[in-house]
Structure formats: C-alpha cells, structure tokens
Amino acid sequence: MKIIKEYINLDFLKPDKDCNSCDYINEYTCFECESIQVREKYPHAIYDADVIPPEWYLKESEGK
C-alpha cells in the first residue's frame, strides 16, 4: 500500500490577539496557535518536523 501525502495550505491561519507569542501586527502565528487552528479544521492532520521546512499534511492510502 502506498501512502500519499496531501500538504495543507496554511493561508487560513490567523494570529491570536490574546496570545503572548503571536505577533498580530506582523501576522505571525505561534506554533501552539497554529496547531490548534490546524487541528480544528483538519482533525487528522499530521505534523512532519523531519522535512525542511516542517509541513502539515493529511495522509491518504492508495490501495495499489
């Protein structure tokens, strides 16, 4: 079985005004807020820190 990775476009991320780590003025979203927002939209998302740059993706199986 082959695993297909569908990388997630993160354009929907928004910095949290109430977070001390996010930078709302420069539109920087900290990793904790990023993780929360990605998991809300894609509950089965996987974070791959072994690639540069790290990526969020969804895993699909191809039955071949």
N, C-alpha and C. Protein backbone atom coordinates (compact mmCIF):
# COMPACT_ATOMS: atom_id res chain seq x y z
N MET A 1 0.84 -1.17 0.00
CA MET A 1 0.00 0.00 0.00
C MET A 1 0.89 1.24 0.00
N LYS A 2 0.56 2.18 -0.86
CA LYS A 2 1.32 3.40 -0.99
C LYS A 2 0.63 4.52 -0.19
N ILE A 3 1.43 5.31 0.54
CA ILE A 3 0.90 6.43 1.32
C ILE A 3 1.08 7.71 0.51
N ILE A 4 0.01 8.47 0.37
CA ILE A 4 0.05 9.74 -0.35
C ILE A 4 -0.11 10.86 0.67
N LYS A 5 0.77 11.85 0.60
CA LYS A 5 0.68 13.00 1.50
C LYS A 5 0.05 14.16 0.75
N GLU A 6 -1.01 14.70 1.32
CA GLU A 6 -1.64 15.90 0.78
C GLU A 6 -1.29 17.04 1.73
N TYR A 7 -0.39 17.93 1.27
CA TYR A 7 0.06 19.02 2.13
C TYR A 7 -1.03 20.06 2.30
N ILE A 8 -1.12 20.62 3.49
CA ILE A 8 -2.17 21.57 3.85
C ILE A 8 -1.69 23.00 3.61
N ASN A 9 -2.50 23.78 2.91
CA ASN A 9 -2.23 25.19 2.70
C ASN A 9 -2.62 25.92 3.99
N LEU A 10 -1.69 26.66 4.56
CA LEU A 10 -1.91 27.30 5.86
C LEU A 10 -2.35 28.76 5.75
N ASP A 11 -2.87 29.16 4.62
CA ASP A 11 -3.30 30.55 4.43
C ASP A 11 -4.44 30.95 5.36
N PHE A 12 -5.13 30.01 5.94
CA PHE A 12 -6.26 30.31 6.82
C PHE A 12 -5.83 30.70 8.24
N LEU A 13 -4.57 30.51 8.59
CA LEU A 13 -4.10 30.79 9.95
C LEU A 13 -4.16 32.28 10.27
N LYS A 14 -4.58 32.57 11.48
CA LYS A 14 -4.66 33.96 11.96
C LYS A 14 -4.01 34.04 13.34
N PRO A 15 -3.17 35.05 13.58
CA PRO A 15 -2.60 35.22 14.91
C PRO A 15 -3.68 35.56 15.92
N ASP A 16 -3.50 35.08 17.13
CA ASP A 16 -4.46 35.32 18.20
C ASP A 16 -4.06 36.59 18.95
N LYS A 17 -4.96 37.57 18.98
CA LYS A 17 -4.67 38.84 19.67
C LYS A 17 -4.41 38.64 21.16
N ASP A 18 -4.98 37.61 21.75
CA ASP A 18 -4.83 37.36 23.18
C ASP A 18 -3.63 36.49 23.53
N CYS A 19 -2.90 36.03 22.54
CA CYS A 19 -1.73 35.18 22.77
C CYS A 19 -0.48 36.04 22.90
N ASN A 20 0.35 35.73 23.89
CA ASN A 20 1.59 36.49 24.10
C ASN A 20 2.68 36.12 23.10
N SER A 21 2.55 34.99 22.42
CA SER A 21 3.58 34.54 21.48
C SER A 21 3.27 34.94 20.04
N CYS A 22 2.02 35.12 19.70
CA CYS A 22 1.65 35.54 18.35
C CYS A 22 1.97 37.03 18.17
N ASP A 23 2.27 37.40 16.94
CA ASP A 23 2.52 38.81 16.62
C ASP A 23 1.42 39.24 15.66
N TYR A 24 0.39 39.86 16.20
CA TYR A 24 -0.78 40.22 15.41
C TYR A 24 -0.44 41.29 14.37
N ILE A 25 0.44 42.22 14.69
CA ILE A 25 0.79 43.31 13.77
C ILE A 25 1.51 42.77 12.55
N ASN A 26 2.46 41.85 12.74
CA ASN A 26 3.22 41.28 11.62
C ASN A 26 2.63 39.98 11.10
N GLU A 27 1.45 39.64 11.59
CA GLU A 27 0.71 38.44 11.17
C GLU A 27 1.51 37.15 11.34
N TYR A 28 2.18 37.03 12.49
CA TYR A 28 2.90 35.80 12.84
C TYR A 28 2.04 34.99 13.81
N THR A 29 1.80 33.74 13.48
CA THR A 29 1.04 32.83 14.34
C THR A 29 2.02 31.87 15.00
N CYS A 30 2.04 31.82 16.31
CA CYS A 30 2.95 30.92 17.02
C CYS A 30 2.54 29.47 16.75
N PHE A 31 3.44 28.54 17.05
CA PHE A 31 3.17 27.14 16.73
C PHE A 31 1.99 26.59 17.52
N GLU A 32 1.83 26.99 18.78
CA GLU A 32 0.72 26.47 19.58
C GLU A 32 -0.62 26.89 18.97
N CYS A 33 -0.75 28.16 18.59
CA CYS A 33 -1.99 28.64 17.97
C CYS A 33 -2.18 28.01 16.59
N GLU A 34 -1.08 27.85 15.86
CA GLU A 34 -1.13 27.19 14.55
C GLU A 34 -1.67 25.78 14.71
N SER A 35 -1.13 25.05 15.67
CA SER A 35 -1.54 23.68 15.89
C SER A 35 -3.02 23.58 16.22
N ILE A 36 -3.50 24.48 17.08
CA ILE A 36 -4.91 24.48 17.45
C ILE A 36 -5.79 24.74 16.23
N GLN A 37 -5.43 25.74 15.43
CA GLN A 37 -6.24 26.10 14.27
C GLN A 37 -6.23 24.99 13.21
N VAL A 38 -5.07 24.38 12.99
CA VAL A 38 -4.98 23.29 12.01
C VAL A 38 -5.83 22.11 12.48
N ARG A 39 -5.73 21.74 13.75
CA ARG A 39 -6.49 20.60 14.27
C ARG A 39 -8.00 20.86 14.29
N GLU A 40 -8.41 22.11 14.44
CA GLU A 40 -9.84 22.43 14.37
C GLU A 40 -10.38 22.20 12.96
N LYS A 41 -9.59 22.59 11.97
CA LYS A 41 -10.03 22.47 10.57
C LYS A 41 -9.77 21.07 10.00
N TYR A 42 -8.64 20.48 10.39
CA TYR A 42 -8.24 19.16 9.90
C TYR A 42 -7.89 18.27 11.10
N PRO A 43 -8.87 17.64 11.72
CA PRO A 43 -8.62 16.86 12.95
C PRO A 43 -7.59 15.74 12.79
N HIS A 44 -7.40 15.22 11.59
CA HIS A 44 -6.46 14.11 11.37
C HIS A 44 -5.13 14.56 10.76
N ALA A 45 -4.85 15.85 10.84
CA ALA A 45 -3.61 16.39 10.27
C ALA A 45 -2.40 15.83 11.01
N ILE A 46 -1.32 15.69 10.26
CA ILE A 46 -0.06 15.19 10.81
C ILE A 46 1.01 16.26 10.60
N TYR A 47 1.81 16.50 11.63
CA TYR A 47 2.90 17.47 11.54
C TYR A 47 4.19 16.71 11.30
N ASP A 48 4.89 17.05 10.24
CA ASP A 48 6.15 16.38 9.88
C ASP A 48 7.30 17.34 10.12
N ALA A 49 8.01 17.15 11.21
CA ALA A 49 9.15 18.00 11.55
C ALA A 49 10.45 17.48 10.94
N ASP A 50 10.39 16.34 10.24
CA ASP A 50 11.59 15.75 9.66
C ASP A 50 11.95 16.32 8.30
N VAL A 51 11.12 17.21 7.77
CA VAL A 51 11.41 17.85 6.48
C VAL A 51 11.68 19.32 6.73
N ILE A 52 12.36 19.94 5.79
CA ILE A 52 12.66 21.37 5.90
C ILE A 52 12.01 22.08 4.74
N PRO A 53 11.13 23.02 4.96
CA PRO A 53 10.56 23.40 6.25
C PRO A 53 9.54 22.37 6.71
N PRO A 54 9.29 22.29 8.01
CA PRO A 54 8.28 21.36 8.52
C PRO A 54 6.92 21.63 7.89
N GLU A 55 6.13 20.59 7.69
CA GLU A 55 4.85 20.70 6.99
C GLU A 55 3.73 19.98 7.73
N TRP A 56 2.53 20.48 7.58
CA TRP A 56 1.31 19.78 7.99
C TRP A 56 0.79 19.06 6.76
N TYR A 57 0.31 17.83 6.95
CA TYR A 57 -0.26 17.11 5.82
C TYR A 57 -1.35 16.16 6.28
N LEU A 58 -2.13 15.71 5.31
CA LEU A 58 -3.14 14.69 5.53
C LEU A 58 -2.65 13.43 4.83
N LYS A 59 -2.87 12.30 5.44
CA LYS A 59 -2.39 11.03 4.87
C LYS A 59 -3.56 10.33 4.20
N GLU A 60 -3.31 9.90 2.97
CA GLU A 60 -4.29 9.12 2.23
C GLU A 60 -3.62 7.82 1.79
N SER A 61 -4.32 6.72 1.83
CA SER A 61 -3.78 5.44 1.39
C SER A 61 -4.28 5.14 -0.01
N GLU A 62 -3.37 4.65 -0.83
CA GLU A 62 -3.73 4.24 -2.17
C GLU A 62 -3.59 2.73 -2.21
N GLY A 63 -4.65 2.02 -2.50
CA GLY A 63 -4.64 0.57 -2.45
C GLY A 63 -3.98 -0.10 -3.64
N LYS A 64 -2.74 0.28 -3.93
CA LYS A 64 -2.01 -0.33 -5.06
C LYS A 64 -0.74 -0.94 -4.58
